[in-house]
Amino acid sequence: MTPSHSADPLFRVRPARTADVRGILELLDPWVQRRILLGKEVVTLFESVQEFVVAEARGRLIGCGALHVIWEDLGEVRTLIVAEDWLHHGVGGAIVDTLEEHAHELGLSRLFCLTFEVDFFTRRGFAPIGEQVVDPDVYSQLLRSPDEGVAEFLDLAHVKPNTLGNTRMLKSLQARPDASADAGA
């Protein structure tokens, strides 16, 4: 995954490193305290650090987000956070753009998110989803996953208390013109 070039030269988006985990926790904590995002254990963040990108300004982490693969064509944008003093400066959009680039590199064609920020994701091509978004065979395989994000995607009842009020959204990614050239390489 290559670093993203943002419109604002004051920050950049890059792949996360293990040294960023404590900074990701600091970004996450205020949103957990307000019950907007679920907390994550430190060990979980270390285990999934390769899924994260971070936005950095002058050596300070100002945002983060993760791309988690759910199925062969489907990924989830997770833990998208922007520091409050950097909201509305293009940081979240730059993070999502970078995660979409990574999704293309992985061969994913759809992205899921569970969010309160419906307008933000709608502007980026996501749309609210209904009940049936995968075929029954895939559904039965996904039911076997212990991952809470998969349960949220499937809208399973046991995650309802944690996600009440969130909107499940999906985006179909456009095939990139260079995708076929990459496949033959």
Protein backbone atom coordinates (compact mmCIF):
# COMPACT_ATOMS: atom_id res chain seq x y z
CA MET A 1 0.00 0.00 0.00
CA THR A 2 1.49 3.32 -1.03
CA PRO A 3 1.06 6.49 1.01
CA SER A 4 -1.77 8.70 -0.16
CA HIS A 5 -1.12 12.27 -1.19
CA SER A 6 -3.73 14.47 0.41
CA ALA A 7 -4.91 17.84 -0.86
CA ASP A 8 -3.55 19.35 2.37
CA PRO A 9 0.27 19.17 2.41
CA LEU A 10 0.11 19.54 6.19
CA PHE A 11 -0.80 15.87 6.63
CA ARG A 12 -0.13 12.57 4.96
CA VAL A 13 -1.74 9.14 5.07
CA ARG A 14 0.53 6.12 5.41
CA PRO A 15 0.37 2.47 6.50
CA ALA A 16 0.29 2.08 10.28
CA ARG A 17 3.22 0.63 12.18
CA THR A 18 3.28 -1.08 15.56
CA ALA A 19 4.67 2.15 17.04
CA ASP A 20 1.35 3.82 16.08
CA VAL A 21 -0.87 1.53 18.17
CA ARG A 22 -0.77 3.67 21.32
CA GLY A 23 -1.60 6.76 19.22
CA ILE A 24 -4.53 4.92 17.64
CA LEU A 25 -5.78 4.12 21.15
CA GLU A 26 -5.51 7.81 22.09
CA LEU A 27 -7.56 8.75 19.01
CA LEU A 28 -10.13 6.07 19.84
CA ASP A 29 -10.58 6.81 23.54
CA PRO A 30 -12.71 10.01 23.34
CA TRP A 31 -15.13 8.30 20.93
CA VAL A 32 -15.35 5.23 23.19
CA GLN A 33 -16.05 7.49 26.20
CA ARG A 34 -18.98 9.02 24.27
CA ARG A 35 -20.17 5.52 23.24
CA ILE A 36 -19.85 6.34 19.54
CA LEU A 37 -17.22 3.67 18.88
CA LEU A 38 -16.55 0.40 20.65
CA GLY A 39 -13.28 0.11 22.53
CA LYS A 40 -10.54 -2.19 21.34
CA GLU A 41 -8.04 -4.14 23.37
CA VAL A 42 -4.39 -3.20 22.83
CA VAL A 43 -3.63 -6.75 21.74
CA THR A 44 -6.38 -6.58 19.10
CA LEU A 45 -4.88 -3.42 17.64
CA PHE A 46 -1.42 -4.99 17.50
CA GLU A 47 -2.89 -8.09 15.82
CA SER A 48 -4.61 -5.98 13.17
CA VAL A 49 -2.09 -3.14 12.73
CA GLN A 50 -1.46 -4.20 9.12
CA GLU A 51 -5.11 -3.34 8.32
CA PHE A 52 -4.66 0.28 9.48
CA VAL A 53 -3.54 3.47 7.83
CA VAL A 54 -2.86 6.60 9.83
CA ALA A 55 -2.97 10.29 9.01
CA GLU A 56 -0.03 12.18 10.41
CA ALA A 57 0.69 15.91 10.73
CA ARG A 58 4.02 17.16 12.04
CA GLY A 59 4.69 13.81 13.73
CA ARG A 60 1.27 13.64 15.42
CA LEU A 61 -1.39 11.05 14.56
CA ILE A 62 -4.52 12.95 13.55
CA GLY A 63 -6.58 10.10 12.13
CA CYS A 64 -6.77 6.42 11.38
CA GLY A 65 -8.86 3.83 9.65
CA ALA A 66 -8.70 0.13 8.87
CA LEU A 67 -9.69 -2.15 6.01
CA HIS A 68 -10.79 -5.59 7.15
CA VAL A 69 -11.44 -8.32 4.58
CA ILE A 70 -14.75 -10.09 5.19
CA TRP A 71 -15.06 -12.23 2.04
CA GLU A 72 -13.39 -12.65 -1.35
CA ASP A 73 -15.09 -9.54 -2.77
CA LEU A 74 -16.01 -7.69 0.40
CA GLY A 75 -14.15 -5.57 2.92
CA GLU A 76 -15.13 -3.34 5.82
CA VAL A 77 -13.93 0.17 6.61
CA ARG A 78 -13.38 0.08 10.37
CA THR A 79 -12.25 2.36 13.15
CA LEU A 80 -12.32 5.52 11.04
CA ILE A 81 -11.33 8.31 13.42
CA VAL A 82 -10.21 11.89 12.94
CA ALA A 83 -8.91 14.05 15.79
CA GLU A 84 -11.51 16.67 16.65
CA ASP A 85 -9.25 19.59 15.78
CA TRP A 86 -8.74 18.09 12.30
CA LEU A 87 -12.40 17.41 11.48
CA HIS A 88 -13.56 18.98 8.18
CA HIS A 89 -10.00 19.29 6.81
CA GLY A 90 -10.16 16.32 4.40
CA VAL A 91 -8.44 13.85 6.71
CA GLY A 92 -11.30 11.33 6.83
CA GLY A 93 -11.77 11.48 3.06
CA ALA A 94 -8.03 10.94 2.48
CA ILE A 95 -8.07 7.93 4.82
CA VAL A 96 -11.10 6.40 3.05
CA ASP A 97 -9.48 7.05 -0.36
CA THR A 98 -6.35 5.22 0.78
CA LEU A 99 -8.40 2.30 2.14
CA GLU A 100 -10.28 2.11 -1.19
CA GLU A 101 -6.94 1.99 -3.05
CA HIS A 102 -5.91 -0.89 -0.81
CA ALA A 103 -9.27 -2.62 -1.41
CA HIS A 104 -8.63 -2.42 -5.17
CA GLU A 105 -5.13 -3.87 -4.68
CA LEU A 106 -6.66 -6.78 -2.76
CA GLY A 107 -9.26 -7.42 -5.47
CA LEU A 108 -12.28 -6.36 -3.42
CA SER A 109 -15.31 -5.02 -5.27
CA ARG A 110 -17.48 -3.90 -2.33
CA LEU A 111 -16.89 -2.03 0.91
CA PHE A 112 -19.10 -2.12 3.99
CA CYS A 113 -19.21 0.27 6.93
CA LEU A 114 -21.31 0.60 10.06
CA THR A 115 -21.57 4.27 10.91
CA PHE A 116 -23.33 7.22 12.45
CA GLU A 117 -21.68 9.43 9.78
CA VAL A 118 -24.18 8.65 7.02
CA ASP A 119 -23.68 11.93 5.14
CA PHE A 120 -19.88 11.52 5.08
CA PHE A 121 -20.10 8.02 3.62
CA THR A 122 -22.96 8.90 1.25
CA ARG A 123 -20.75 11.60 -0.29
CA ARG A 124 -18.20 8.85 -0.94
CA GLY A 125 -20.62 6.57 -2.77
CA PHE A 126 -21.85 4.38 0.09
CA ALA A 127 -25.57 3.67 0.42
CA PRO A 128 -27.66 2.18 3.24
CA ILE A 129 -28.26 -1.55 2.83
CA GLY A 130 -31.15 -3.84 3.60
CA GLU A 131 -31.28 -7.38 4.84
CA GLN A 132 -29.94 -9.63 2.08
CA VAL A 133 -26.58 -8.45 0.71
CA VAL A 134 -24.87 -11.80 0.08
CA ASP A 135 -26.15 -15.04 -1.36
CA PRO A 136 -27.28 -17.80 1.06
CA ASP A 137 -24.12 -19.92 0.63
CA VAL A 138 -21.84 -17.00 1.51
CA TYR A 139 -24.16 -16.07 4.38
CA SER A 140 -23.84 -19.56 5.87
CA GLN A 141 -20.03 -19.34 5.64
CA LEU A 142 -19.94 -15.86 7.19
CA LEU A 143 -22.06 -17.06 10.12
CA ARG A 144 -19.06 -19.18 11.16
CA SER A 145 -16.84 -16.13 11.65
CA PRO A 146 -16.17 -15.06 15.26
CA ASP A 147 -15.54 -11.49 14.03
CA GLU A 148 -17.98 -8.89 15.41
CA GLY A 149 -17.70 -6.84 12.22
CA VAL A 150 -19.00 -9.77 10.21
CA ALA A 151 -21.90 -10.11 12.65
CA GLU A 152 -22.62 -6.39 12.19
CA PHE A 153 -22.50 -6.78 8.41
CA LEU A 154 -24.99 -9.65 8.58
CA ASP A 155 -27.15 -7.60 10.99
CA LEU A 156 -27.25 -10.43 13.53
CA ALA A 157 -29.41 -9.84 16.59
CA HIS A 158 -26.63 -10.43 19.14
CA VAL A 159 -24.80 -7.25 18.06
CA LYS A 160 -27.89 -5.01 18.06
CA PRO A 161 -27.27 -3.57 21.55
CA ASN A 162 -23.83 -2.30 20.46
CA THR A 163 -24.91 -0.90 17.11
CA LEU A 164 -28.31 0.60 17.82
CA GLY A 165 -28.60 3.77 15.80
CA ASN A 166 -25.76 2.96 13.40
CA THR A 167 -26.43 2.64 9.70
CA ARG A 168 -25.13 -0.30 7.66
CA MET A 169 -23.78 1.02 4.36
CA LEU A 170 -22.24 -0.54 1.26
CA LYS A 171 -20.28 0.76 -1.71
CA SER A 172 -19.60 -1.01 -4.99
CA LEU A 173 -16.10 -0.17 -6.14
CA GLN A 174 -15.60 0.73 -9.77
CA ALA A 175 -13.20 -1.51 -11.65
CA ARG A 176 -9.99 0.35 -12.36
CA PRO A 177 -8.78 0.42 -15.97
CA ASP A 178 -5.36 -0.89 -14.93
CA ALA A 179 -6.84 -3.88 -13.06
CA SER A 180 -6.68 -6.21 -16.08
CA ALA A 181 -3.09 -5.19 -16.80
CA ASP A 182 -2.14 -5.99 -13.19
CA ALA A 183 -3.83 -9.40 -13.41
CA GLY A 184 -1.63 -10.47 -16.33
CA ALA A 185 1.61 -9.38 -14.69
